[in-house]
Structures are given as C-alpha cells and as structure tokens.
C-alpha cells in the first residue's frame, strides 16, 4: 500500500484500525475476540498509538484492556470505561477521560468529543455495575480528513450542528444488528438504535462525503441493503447524499490527501 495514503481497515461490527501516513495507528472500539467478522487477533496488532472507546458495551469496549496493557497506548474514553479498564489493571496513566464538547490532543491527534444518544454500562470484575455517558468522536487525521465515529447513536437534530461546527468528511454509522453474537433476551430487534432511513438523515445532517455503514457482521444483512436502497432513493429525489462503502471484516480502504476514498 502507498505510504502517502491514509489507510483504514474494518474489523467488523464497529471496530476500525486507522493508519496515517507517518505510521501512527488508531484503534476504534476494538472488539476483536468473539467478533465473528474479525480476522485479526490482538497479537496481530504490531503497533497501536491511540485507542478510542465510545462506550462500555462488550461489542465496543471489546479487547481495549488487553490491547492497552500490551501496547501501552493511551485510551480516550468516558469515566465508566476508565473505571472498568483500571479494574482490569490498565495503568491510570494511560487513561484520558473525556466528555461531550471536550477537545483533546493525544498521540499527536486532535480528538473532538461530541454528543451521541445511547447508553453505556458494564459489570466490573468485582460484580459491581458501572455506567456513564456514551461518546462520539471526530478525529482529525490530517489534510482536512475528519473521521466521525459514534459507536452507537440514535438520530437527533443536533447532528446538524455537529456537521456545521466540526465538518466531518468521512465516518461510520451503525445501522444494523450484528449476527453471530449470543442474545438470549425476549423478542428481537427490528432495527438497531439508528434505522437505515434514519442513517441516511444522519449522514446528510453531518455533511459526510463518505459513509461506512457498520454494526454488522454480514455485509449482506437486510438492514445494510435497506440503507443502500434508502440512499439511492434520496439521490433519485435530487438530495445530496454521501458515497456509501460497505466493507467485509478485514477489508481496507485508502483515503488520499484530497479525501478521495478507494477500496484496496
């Protein structure tokens, strides 16, 4: 791969690895172990410079504690995730706790923390329950490329304001339900917290040029197909919509300095 390009690997569900041209690596919501779509093991990660965790759900928090201890990478997260990681013996010195509106510089990256609409909680090793406020991130990668990563969020009107203020150019939106994960709860989910039609609105309000639907393990998921159909319908009506790229676990894309996105 050309070293002048930004490279992004989809690891399944909502996990991504981003590599910037100078070689630094960011991990987003690193759910690897137990992720049916992930072809990468923790031991395969040669370099990690920054870990971003949106919230404490297993399919987002994932292997953050193992990777942080193995690599020494700092973790940007909310207070409940920080408490959990500390209980898992990740050094407190690696934590950068953040909240909505806070802008940070960590490992040479500027990270804008923004509001999302979801929930966050998990059980600590001692059996206690920790909960907090879920986060979304806009990561400044360089060359005007700004990556929006919400983890999970429902639709809310201030996405328009986030688009106006921070101008994300590319990002992921969770519009499906991962298959292959155990779920013994009553009933079934018809959508995740962002339906395909709502996902189109979110992408438009945020002003994304490229959107990567996520939160799935199978790219042929009916909700992923519905999202693509909703985009096509909006485009046919003359609405401005982003390019959508649907990836399988392990797929890479590149982004050049102009923001052009290509599959590898």
Protein backbone atom coordinates (compact mmCIF):
# COMPACT_ATOMS: atom_id res chain seq x y z
CA UNK A 1 0.00 0.00 0.00
CA UNK A 2 1.17 3.55 -0.83
CA UNK A 3 2.62 5.15 2.29
CA UNK A 4 1.28 8.58 1.20
CA UNK A 5 -2.25 7.39 1.83
CA UNK A 6 -4.41 7.15 4.92
CA UNK A 7 -5.44 3.52 5.40
CA UNK A 8 -8.47 2.17 7.21
CA UNK A 9 -9.26 -1.45 7.99
CA UNK A 10 -12.73 -2.56 9.03
CA UNK A 11 -12.51 -5.17 11.78
CA UNK A 12 -16.23 -5.95 11.98
CA UNK A 13 -19.17 -4.56 13.99
CA UNK A 14 -17.87 -1.04 14.85
CA UNK A 15 -14.14 -1.73 15.12
CA UNK A 16 -11.68 0.06 12.84
CA UNK A 17 -7.93 0.44 12.53
CA UNK A 18 -6.72 3.73 11.03
CA UNK A 19 -3.13 4.21 9.85
CA UNK A 20 -1.98 7.74 8.97
CA UNK A 21 0.88 8.39 6.53
CA UNK A 22 3.53 8.82 9.25
CA UNK A 23 2.77 5.30 10.54
CA UNK A 24 0.70 6.05 13.64
CA UNK A 25 -2.23 3.72 14.32
CA UNK A 26 -5.62 4.46 15.92
CA UNK A 27 -7.99 1.72 17.07
CA UNK A 28 -11.69 2.49 17.32
CA UNK A 29 -13.93 0.34 19.56
CA UNK A 30 -11.54 -2.66 19.39
CA UNK A 31 -13.93 -5.62 19.63
CA UNK A 32 -11.77 -8.42 18.21
CA UNK A 33 -12.14 -11.52 20.41
CA UNK A 34 -15.57 -13.05 19.87
CA UNK A 35 -16.29 -10.84 16.86
CA UNK A 36 -17.44 -13.22 14.08
CA UNK A 37 -16.38 -10.77 11.34
CA UNK A 38 -12.91 -10.05 12.71
CA UNK A 39 -9.94 -11.80 11.11
CA UNK A 40 -7.39 -10.11 13.37
CA UNK A 41 -6.19 -11.29 16.79
CA UNK A 42 -4.88 -8.98 19.46
CA UNK A 43 -1.43 -10.50 18.93
CA UNK A 44 -1.53 -9.45 15.26
CA UNK A 45 -1.52 -5.75 16.12
CA UNK A 46 2.10 -4.68 15.76
CA UNK A 47 1.58 -1.03 16.65
CA UNK A 48 -1.15 0.93 18.42
CA UNK A 49 -0.68 4.62 19.25
CA UNK A 50 -4.19 5.54 20.40
CA UNK A 51 -7.37 3.69 21.39
CA UNK A 52 -10.79 5.37 21.28
CA UNK A 53 -13.66 3.66 23.11
CA UNK A 54 -17.14 5.12 22.71
CA UNK A 55 -18.94 3.20 25.45
CA UNK A 56 -18.88 0.16 27.70
CA UNK A 57 -20.90 -2.34 25.66
CA UNK A 58 -18.97 -5.57 25.03
CA UNK A 59 -19.12 -5.16 21.24
CA UNK A 60 -17.38 -1.78 21.51
CA UNK A 61 -15.21 -1.99 24.63
CA UNK A 62 -14.02 -5.38 23.42
CA UNK A 63 -10.30 -6.02 23.90
CA UNK A 64 -9.39 -2.49 24.94
CA UNK A 65 -7.90 -3.59 28.25
CA UNK A 66 -5.73 -6.31 26.71
CA UNK A 67 -4.50 -4.09 23.89
CA UNK A 68 -3.82 -1.16 26.21
CA UNK A 69 -1.75 -3.30 28.57
CA UNK A 70 0.10 -4.99 25.70
CA UNK A 71 0.96 -1.81 23.78
CA UNK A 72 0.94 0.95 26.40
CA UNK A 73 -1.33 3.00 24.12
CA UNK A 74 -3.38 5.79 25.72
CA UNK A 75 -7.14 5.28 25.85
CA UNK A 76 -9.63 8.10 25.28
CA UNK A 77 -12.97 7.17 26.85
CA UNK A 78 -15.68 8.09 29.30
CA UNK A 79 -15.49 7.73 33.06
CA UNK A 80 -17.26 4.36 33.22
CA UNK A 81 -14.91 2.81 30.65
CA UNK A 82 -11.94 4.30 32.50
CA UNK A 83 -13.17 2.76 35.78
CA UNK A 84 -13.59 -0.64 34.11
CA UNK A 85 -10.15 -0.54 32.50
CA UNK A 86 -8.49 0.44 35.77
CA UNK A 87 -10.26 -2.51 37.43
CA UNK A 88 -8.72 -4.66 34.69
CA UNK A 89 -5.28 -3.37 35.75
CA UNK A 90 -4.71 -0.92 32.92
CA UNK A 91 -2.50 1.83 34.41
CA UNK A 92 -4.37 5.02 35.26
CA UNK A 93 -1.59 6.94 33.50
CA UNK A 94 -2.88 5.60 30.15
CA UNK A 95 -6.39 6.98 30.64
CA UNK A 96 -7.65 10.24 29.16
CA UNK A 97 -11.22 10.59 30.35
CA UNK A 98 -13.34 12.90 28.24
CA UNK A 99 -16.89 14.21 27.94
CA UNK A 100 -19.15 15.83 25.35
CA UNK A 101 -17.65 19.02 23.95
CA UNK A 102 -14.10 18.35 25.12
CA UNK A 103 -11.31 18.61 22.53
CA UNK A 104 -8.08 16.76 23.20
CA UNK A 105 -4.67 16.28 21.66
CA UNK A 106 -3.40 12.76 22.31
CA UNK A 107 -0.60 10.95 20.48
CA UNK A 108 -0.45 13.86 18.05
CA UNK A 109 -4.13 13.56 17.07
CA UNK A 110 -6.81 16.15 17.79
CA UNK A 111 -9.94 14.41 19.01
CA UNK A 112 -13.24 16.24 19.35
CA UNK A 113 -15.69 14.53 21.70
CA UNK A 114 -19.32 15.08 20.74
CA UNK A 115 -22.75 14.11 21.97
CA UNK A 116 -24.50 10.91 20.99
CA UNK A 117 -27.75 9.30 22.12
CA UNK A 118 -27.32 5.83 23.57
CA UNK A 119 -26.48 4.18 26.91
CA UNK A 120 -23.31 2.78 28.43
CA UNK A 121 -22.71 0.29 31.19
CA UNK A 122 -20.93 -2.93 32.07
CA UNK A 123 -20.16 -5.20 35.01
CA UNK A 124 -16.80 -4.68 36.70
CA UNK A 125 -14.62 -7.63 37.81
CA UNK A 126 -15.91 -7.32 41.39
CA UNK A 127 -19.51 -7.70 40.20
CA UNK A 128 -20.45 -4.04 40.56
CA UNK A 129 -22.18 -2.22 37.69
CA UNK A 130 -20.56 0.87 36.19
CA UNK A 131 -22.41 3.22 33.87
CA UNK A 132 -21.82 6.56 32.26
CA UNK A 133 -22.42 8.78 29.24
CA UNK A 134 -21.65 7.29 25.81
CA UNK A 135 -19.45 9.30 23.45
CA UNK A 136 -18.91 10.01 19.79
CA UNK A 137 -15.58 11.17 18.37
CA UNK A 138 -14.41 13.26 15.44
CA UNK A 139 -10.73 12.51 14.86
CA UNK A 140 -8.60 14.96 12.88
CA UNK A 141 -6.41 12.68 10.78
CA UNK A 142 -4.68 15.36 8.69
CA UNK A 143 -5.13 17.00 5.27
CA UNK A 144 -8.61 18.09 6.29
CA UNK A 145 -9.77 14.49 6.77
CA UNK A 146 -12.07 14.29 9.79
CA UNK A 147 -13.39 10.87 10.82
CA UNK A 148 -16.74 10.67 12.63
CA UNK A 149 -17.17 7.64 14.88
CA UNK A 150 -20.29 7.42 17.05
CA UNK A 151 -20.08 3.86 18.33
CA UNK A 152 -23.87 3.68 18.68
CA UNK A 153 -26.29 6.57 18.45
CA UNK A 154 -29.89 7.23 17.62
CA UNK A 155 -30.91 10.15 15.41
CA UNK A 156 -31.08 13.60 16.98
CA UNK A 157 -31.30 17.04 15.44
CA UNK A 158 -28.03 18.40 16.85
CA UNK A 159 -26.20 16.21 14.34
CA UNK A 160 -26.80 19.18 12.01
CA UNK A 161 -24.96 21.43 14.47
CA UNK A 162 -22.10 18.94 14.78
CA UNK A 163 -21.80 18.96 10.99
CA UNK A 164 -21.71 22.76 10.89
CA UNK A 165 -19.21 23.08 13.73
CA UNK A 166 -16.78 20.24 13.07
CA UNK A 167 -17.35 19.34 9.41
CA UNK A 168 -16.61 15.59 9.47
CA UNK A 169 -15.75 14.30 5.99
CA UNK A 170 -15.97 10.53 6.42
CA UNK A 171 -17.45 8.34 9.09
CA UNK A 172 -19.20 5.23 10.24
CA UNK A 173 -22.85 4.88 11.21
CA UNK A 174 -24.28 1.82 12.95
CA UNK A 175 -27.41 0.81 11.03
CA UNK A 176 -27.66 -2.96 11.62
CA UNK A 177 -27.62 -5.64 14.32
CA UNK A 178 -24.56 -7.91 14.48
CA UNK A 179 -25.38 -11.56 13.85
CA UNK A 180 -23.46 -14.42 15.42
CA UNK A 181 -23.46 -12.85 18.90
CA UNK A 182 -25.46 -14.50 21.65
CA UNK A 183 -28.69 -12.74 22.58
CA UNK A 184 -30.99 -14.60 24.96
CA UNK A 185 -33.29 -11.66 25.65
CA UNK A 186 -37.02 -11.82 24.84
CA UNK A 187 -38.19 -10.73 21.40
CA UNK A 188 -35.95 -9.49 18.62
CA UNK A 189 -34.56 -6.20 17.41
CA UNK A 190 -36.14 -4.93 14.21
CA UNK A 191 -33.53 -2.19 13.91
CA UNK A 192 -30.59 -1.04 15.94
CA UNK A 193 -30.75 2.44 17.54
CA UNK A 194 -30.34 4.02 14.09
CA UNK A 195 -32.61 2.62 11.39
CA UNK A 196 -31.40 2.64 7.77
CA UNK A 197 -33.63 5.60 6.84
CA UNK A 198 -32.50 7.50 9.93
CA UNK A 199 -28.90 6.64 9.00
CA UNK A 200 -29.33 8.47 5.69
CA UNK A 201 -30.61 11.55 7.53
CA UNK A 202 -27.71 11.36 9.99
CA UNK A 203 -25.17 11.21 7.16
CA UNK A 204 -26.83 14.19 5.45
CA UNK A 205 -27.06 16.27 8.62
CA UNK A 206 -23.42 15.57 9.46
CA UNK A 207 -22.39 16.55 5.94
CA UNK A 208 -20.38 13.37 5.34
CA UNK A 209 -18.83 12.90 1.91
CA UNK A 210 -18.30 9.19 2.52
CA UNK A 211 -20.23 6.96 4.91
CA UNK A 212 -19.34 3.46 6.04
CA UNK A 213 -22.38 1.66 7.42
CA UNK A 214 -21.35 -0.58 10.31
CA UNK A 215 -22.52 -2.53 13.36
CA UNK A 216 -22.93 -5.70 11.32
CA UNK A 217 -21.04 -8.95 10.89
CA UNK A 218 -22.56 -9.81 7.49
CA UNK A 219 -22.40 -7.13 4.75
CA UNK A 220 -25.43 -8.78 3.11
CA UNK A 221 -27.51 -8.02 6.21
CA UNK A 222 -31.01 -6.86 5.12
CA UNK A 223 -30.59 -3.62 7.08
CA UNK A 224 -27.34 -2.84 5.23
CA UNK A 225 -29.13 -3.41 1.92
CA UNK A 226 -32.04 -1.25 3.06
CA UNK A 227 -29.60 1.54 3.96
CA UNK A 228 -28.14 1.45 0.45
CA UNK A 229 -31.64 1.49 -1.02
CA UNK A 230 -32.59 4.49 1.11
CA UNK A 231 -29.51 6.34 -0.11
CA UNK A 232 -30.41 5.56 -3.72
CA UNK A 233 -33.98 6.76 -3.20
CA UNK A 234 -32.76 10.04 -1.68
CA UNK A 235 -30.29 10.53 -4.53
CA UNK A 236 -33.04 9.88 -7.10
CA UNK A 237 -35.07 12.67 -5.47
CA UNK A 238 -32.18 15.08 -6.06
CA UNK A 239 -30.99 15.09 -2.47
CA UNK A 240 -27.29 15.37 -1.67
CA UNK A 241 -26.11 12.09 -0.15
CA UNK A 242 -22.65 10.69 0.58
CA UNK A 243 -20.96 7.81 -1.17
CA UNK A 244 -21.52 4.61 0.80
CA UNK A 245 -18.89 1.90 1.05
CA UNK A 246 -19.89 -1.47 2.50
CA UNK A 247 -16.94 -3.47 3.83
CA UNK A 248 -16.36 -7.02 4.96
CA UNK A 249 -14.35 -7.69 8.09
CA UNK A 250 -10.68 -7.37 7.16
CA UNK A 251 -11.26 -5.08 4.15
CA UNK A 252 -9.09 -1.98 3.71
CA UNK A 253 -9.81 1.38 2.15
CA UNK A 254 -7.42 4.23 1.42
CA UNK A 255 -8.05 7.97 1.65
CA UNK A 256 -5.78 10.33 -0.26
CA UNK A 257 -4.95 13.92 0.71
CA UNK A 258 -7.93 15.20 -1.31
CA UNK A 259 -10.33 12.96 0.62
CA UNK A 260 -10.86 10.50 -2.24
CA UNK A 261 -11.68 7.02 -0.90
CA UNK A 262 -10.71 3.80 -2.69
CA UNK A 263 -11.05 0.14 -1.85
CA UNK A 264 -7.92 -1.98 -1.77
